[in-house]
Amino acid sequence: MDHRFWNDGLYYHSKAPWAIDANVRAGITATLTLSRVQEEFQLLAQELCRAVGWGVAYYNRLSETMSYLNERIVALDRGEVALQPDHIDALAFAKFPKRQMYKLLLRELRVQLASHGTLMDEWSGDVEWLWKRCQPLGNRGFISEWNEIIQKINDDSPNNGEDVEDELIRSLAGVNIDNDSQNAATTQASHNVNHNLNNTGTSLARRNINNNSQNVGPQPATGGASA
């Protein structure tokens, strides 16, 4: 008790409850622990929003790019209006004609979409469980777009990609391109798709994170679940 801490006038509380009462000290520790838990919930909520936002934005970007390429293929087939060159036409694809280049890109996008859909489906159970417990009530609705995509992934036939693959083979049948050039173009397609899509902006994630910057905390569990 001779320590300066106990004898300085401003801190002389050696008889105060927090100094002598074990229950009070335990309560202080519990309060600090809860504060730390609250902080961890905030971090979990933000990271969960980032993951969900990225998953949704990347899936939508892939789907939109595929639709755009399909529209250009249809326009080429009709031949009514000349297509204006765009960023896709500026890509280097060996000796592939424009239509076959679009088909090659569609094939790679289909592979990327299937892979990403599988990843989202694998995450889905954990995402749903965490979302119910880490998000404030005002944020609960933001998971709806994720759930819609998961439903679409589960409803899609696993053979949907065969039509694109068969069409690609038919498209390339009349193109005089050696194997090395074809392999190089396929590799280039994969590189271009990854480069353009990995930098996708995740506006949904940012929106959810902003909504989580305050009032995020543990929510009452609605049912038993294992971590």
Protein backbone atom coordinates (compact mmCIF):
# COMPACT_ATOMS: atom_id res chain seq x y z
CA MET A 1 0.00 0.00 0.00
CA ASP A 2 3.02 2.29 -0.02
CA HIS A 3 2.96 2.41 -3.80
CA ARG A 4 2.46 5.86 -5.30
CA PHE A 5 -0.66 4.69 -7.11
CA TRP A 6 -2.50 4.20 -3.83
CA ASN A 7 -1.21 7.32 -2.10
CA ASP A 8 -1.57 9.95 -4.80
CA GLY A 9 -4.59 12.03 -3.81
CA LEU A 10 -6.33 11.69 -7.18
CA TYR A 11 -6.07 7.89 -7.14
CA TYR A 12 -6.45 7.16 -3.45
CA HIS A 13 -9.33 4.68 -3.60
CA SER A 14 -7.88 1.67 -1.85
CA LYS A 15 -11.20 1.12 -0.05
CA ALA A 16 -13.41 1.63 -3.09
CA PRO A 17 -15.48 -1.37 -4.28
CA TRP A 18 -13.43 -1.81 -7.44
CA ALA A 19 -10.33 -2.26 -5.25
CA ILE A 20 -11.67 -4.65 -2.61
CA ASP A 21 -14.84 -6.28 -3.97
CA ALA A 22 -14.19 -9.37 -6.08
CA ASN A 23 -17.62 -9.18 -7.70
CA VAL A 24 -17.08 -5.58 -8.78
CA ARG A 25 -13.71 -6.47 -10.27
CA ALA A 26 -15.29 -9.40 -12.08
CA GLY A 27 -17.99 -7.07 -13.39
CA ILE A 28 -15.40 -4.62 -14.68
CA THR A 29 -13.61 -7.46 -16.48
CA ALA A 30 -16.90 -8.67 -17.96
CA THR A 31 -17.76 -5.17 -19.18
CA LEU A 32 -14.39 -4.82 -20.89
CA THR A 33 -14.80 -8.28 -22.42
CA LEU A 34 -18.22 -7.36 -23.81
CA SER A 35 -16.73 -4.20 -25.29
CA ARG A 36 -14.11 -6.31 -27.03
CA VAL A 37 -16.78 -8.71 -28.27
CA GLN A 38 -18.71 -5.76 -29.69
CA GLU A 39 -15.62 -4.66 -31.58
CA GLU A 40 -15.10 -8.18 -32.95
CA PHE A 41 -18.71 -8.29 -34.12
CA GLN A 42 -18.17 -5.03 -35.98
CA LEU A 43 -15.12 -6.47 -37.73
CA LEU A 44 -16.96 -9.69 -38.58
CA ALA A 45 -19.91 -7.73 -39.97
CA GLN A 46 -17.65 -5.61 -42.18
CA GLU A 47 -15.70 -8.57 -43.53
CA LEU A 48 -18.91 -10.49 -44.14
CA CYS A 49 -20.30 -7.56 -46.13
CA ARG A 50 -17.13 -7.40 -48.17
CA ALA A 51 -17.37 -11.10 -48.99
CA VAL A 52 -21.06 -10.95 -49.89
CA GLY A 53 -20.65 -7.74 -51.90
CA TRP A 54 -17.69 -9.14 -53.82
CA GLY A 55 -19.49 -12.41 -54.53
CA VAL A 56 -22.59 -10.67 -55.88
CA ALA A 57 -20.71 -8.01 -57.87
CA TYR A 58 -18.34 -10.52 -59.49
CA TYR A 59 -21.16 -12.89 -60.44
CA ASN A 60 -23.19 -10.04 -61.94
CA ARG A 61 -20.20 -8.68 -63.83
CA LEU A 62 -19.54 -12.09 -65.38
CA SER A 63 -23.21 -12.47 -66.34
CA GLU A 64 -23.42 -8.96 -67.80
CA THR A 65 -20.27 -9.45 -69.87
CA MET A 66 -21.63 -12.73 -71.24
CA SER A 67 -24.90 -11.03 -72.20
CA TYR A 68 -22.97 -8.23 -73.89
CA LEU A 69 -20.93 -10.70 -75.95
CA ASN A 70 -24.07 -12.61 -76.93
CA GLU A 71 -25.65 -9.37 -78.13
CA ARG A 72 -22.63 -8.63 -80.32
CA ILE A 73 -22.70 -12.16 -81.75
CA VAL A 74 -26.39 -11.76 -82.63
CA ALA A 75 -25.65 -8.39 -84.25
CA LEU A 76 -22.86 -9.96 -86.30
CA ASP A 77 -25.16 -12.76 -87.45
CA ARG A 78 -27.83 -10.30 -88.56
CA GLY A 79 -25.32 -8.08 -90.32
CA GLU A 80 -27.78 -5.19 -90.38
CA VAL A 81 -25.58 -2.65 -88.62
CA ALA A 82 -21.80 -2.58 -88.49
CA LEU A 83 -20.49 -3.10 -84.97
CA GLN A 84 -18.50 -0.27 -83.50
CA PRO A 85 -15.10 -1.51 -82.21
CA ASP A 86 -14.86 -1.65 -78.44
CA HIS A 87 -12.35 -2.68 -75.76
CA ILE A 88 -12.98 -6.35 -76.50
CA ASP A 89 -12.11 -5.94 -80.17
CA ALA A 90 -8.81 -4.38 -79.13
CA LEU A 91 -7.69 -7.62 -77.46
CA ALA A 92 -5.04 -9.74 -79.20
CA PHE A 93 -6.38 -13.17 -80.19
CA ALA A 94 -3.98 -14.72 -82.69
CA LYS A 95 -5.80 -15.09 -86.03
CA PHE A 96 -9.30 -15.56 -84.70
CA PRO A 97 -12.10 -13.78 -86.57
CA LYS A 98 -14.27 -11.52 -84.45
CA ARG A 99 -17.17 -13.95 -84.04
CA GLN A 100 -14.91 -16.82 -82.99
CA MET A 101 -13.08 -14.52 -80.59
CA TYR A 102 -16.39 -13.70 -78.92
CA LYS A 103 -17.18 -17.41 -78.67
CA LEU A 104 -13.82 -18.12 -77.12
CA LEU A 105 -14.37 -15.40 -74.54
CA LEU A 106 -17.85 -16.74 -73.81
CA ARG A 107 -16.38 -20.16 -73.16
CA GLU A 108 -13.88 -18.76 -70.67
CA LEU A 109 -16.54 -16.63 -69.00
CA ARG A 110 -18.75 -19.70 -68.67
CA VAL A 111 -15.92 -21.53 -66.90
CA GLN A 112 -15.31 -18.56 -64.61
CA LEU A 113 -19.02 -18.22 -63.82
CA ALA A 114 -19.36 -21.92 -62.98
CA SER A 115 -16.29 -21.79 -60.74
CA HIS A 116 -17.50 -18.66 -58.96
CA GLY A 117 -20.99 -20.10 -58.55
CA THR A 118 -19.53 -23.20 -56.93
CA LEU A 119 -17.55 -21.03 -54.52
CA MET A 120 -20.64 -19.01 -53.57
CA ASP A 121 -22.65 -22.18 -53.04
CA GLU A 122 -19.94 -23.58 -50.75
CA TRP A 123 -19.94 -20.35 -48.73
CA SER A 124 -23.72 -20.03 -48.61
CA GLY A 125 -24.42 -21.97 -45.40
CA ASP A 126 -21.81 -20.09 -43.38
CA VAL A 127 -22.80 -16.75 -44.88
CA GLU A 128 -26.46 -17.26 -43.97
CA TRP A 129 -25.60 -18.34 -40.42
CA LEU A 130 -23.26 -15.40 -39.82
CA TRP A 131 -25.56 -12.86 -41.46
CA LYS A 132 -28.36 -13.61 -39.00
CA ARG A 133 -26.05 -13.05 -36.05
CA CYS A 134 -23.59 -10.34 -37.10
CA GLN A 135 -25.80 -7.87 -38.96
CA PRO A 136 -28.11 -5.25 -37.44
CA LEU A 137 -31.78 -5.61 -38.31
CA GLY A 138 -31.57 -2.76 -40.82
CA ASN A 139 -29.05 -4.71 -42.90
CA ARG A 140 -30.87 -8.03 -43.02
CA GLY A 141 -32.47 -7.28 -46.40
CA PHE A 142 -29.14 -6.80 -48.18
CA ILE A 143 -28.62 -10.57 -48.31
CA SER A 144 -31.59 -11.00 -50.68
CA GLU A 145 -29.54 -10.56 -53.86
CA TRP A 146 -27.02 -13.15 -52.64
CA ASN A 147 -29.88 -15.59 -51.94
CA GLU A 148 -31.37 -14.99 -55.39
CA ILE A 149 -28.04 -15.84 -57.03
CA ILE A 150 -27.66 -18.97 -54.90
CA GLN A 151 -31.15 -20.07 -55.95
CA LYS A 152 -30.26 -19.45 -59.59
CA ILE A 153 -27.04 -21.44 -59.24
CA ASN A 154 -28.91 -24.38 -57.72
CA ASP A 155 -31.64 -24.24 -60.38
CA ASP A 156 -29.26 -24.13 -63.35
CA SER A 157 -28.68 -27.42 -65.10
CA PRO A 158 -25.09 -28.73 -64.89
CA ASN A 159 -25.22 -29.34 -68.64
CA ASN A 160 -25.98 -25.74 -69.56
CA GLY A 161 -22.37 -25.21 -70.63
CA GLU A 162 -22.49 -27.96 -73.26
CA ASP A 163 -24.37 -25.79 -75.77
CA VAL A 164 -21.69 -23.12 -75.60
CA GLU A 165 -18.94 -25.73 -75.90
CA ASP A 166 -20.58 -27.39 -78.93
CA GLU A 167 -21.17 -24.04 -80.58
CA LEU A 168 -17.55 -23.07 -80.03
CA ILE A 169 -16.34 -26.30 -81.66
CA ARG A 170 -18.61 -25.71 -84.66
CA SER A 171 -17.44 -22.11 -84.91
CA LEU A 172 -13.78 -23.07 -84.95
CA ALA A 173 -14.24 -25.93 -87.40
CA GLY A 174 -13.87 -23.68 -90.41
CA VAL A 175 -11.09 -21.50 -89.07
CA ASN A 176 -7.59 -22.28 -90.30
CA ILE A 177 -5.60 -21.86 -87.08
CA ASP A 178 -2.78 -24.07 -85.88
CA ASN A 179 -2.85 -25.65 -82.43
CA ASP A 180 -0.22 -23.31 -81.03
CA SER A 181 -2.21 -20.25 -82.05
CA GLN A 182 -5.41 -21.75 -80.69
CA ASN A 183 -3.77 -22.57 -77.36
CA ALA A 184 -2.24 -19.11 -77.21
CA ALA A 185 -5.62 -17.52 -77.86
CA THR A 186 -7.26 -19.65 -75.18
CA THR A 187 -4.59 -18.63 -72.70
CA GLN A 188 -5.00 -15.00 -73.73
CA ALA A 189 -8.77 -15.26 -73.24
CA SER A 190 -8.30 -16.57 -69.73
CA HIS A 191 -5.79 -13.82 -68.94
CA ASN A 192 -7.99 -11.04 -70.32
CA VAL A 193 -11.08 -12.27 -68.50
CA ASN A 194 -9.23 -12.52 -65.19
CA HIS A 195 -7.55 -9.13 -65.63
CA ASN A 196 -10.78 -7.30 -66.46
CA LEU A 197 -12.96 -8.99 -63.85
CA ASN A 198 -10.65 -9.17 -60.85
CA ASN A 199 -10.78 -5.37 -60.63
CA THR A 200 -14.57 -5.29 -60.47
CA GLY A 201 -15.83 -2.53 -58.17
CA THR A 202 -17.81 -3.84 -55.23
CA SER A 203 -20.23 -0.99 -54.66
CA LEU A 204 -22.63 -3.31 -52.87
CA ALA A 205 -19.91 -4.23 -50.40
CA ARG A 206 -19.08 -0.59 -49.73
CA ARG A 207 -22.74 0.23 -49.24
CA ASN A 208 -23.18 -2.57 -46.72
CA ILE A 209 -19.97 -1.66 -44.89
CA ASN A 210 -21.12 1.94 -44.51
CA ASN A 211 -24.34 0.72 -42.98
CA ASN A 212 -22.32 -1.38 -40.57
CA SER A 213 -20.08 1.42 -39.34
CA GLN A 214 -22.30 1.87 -36.31
CA ASN A 215 -24.87 -0.01 -34.25
CA VAL A 216 -23.39 -3.38 -35.13
CA GLY A 217 -23.55 -5.90 -32.35
CA PRO A 218 -24.48 -9.42 -31.44
CA GLN A 219 -28.02 -10.25 -32.40
CA PRO A 220 -30.21 -12.78 -30.57
CA ALA A 221 -29.90 -16.23 -32.06
CA THR A 222 -33.08 -17.48 -33.69
CA GLY A 223 -32.24 -21.13 -33.45
CA GLY A 224 -29.56 -23.59 -32.54
CA ALA A 225 -26.63 -23.91 -34.92
CA SER A 226 -23.15 -25.22 -34.68
CA ALA A 227 -20.25 -22.89 -35.36
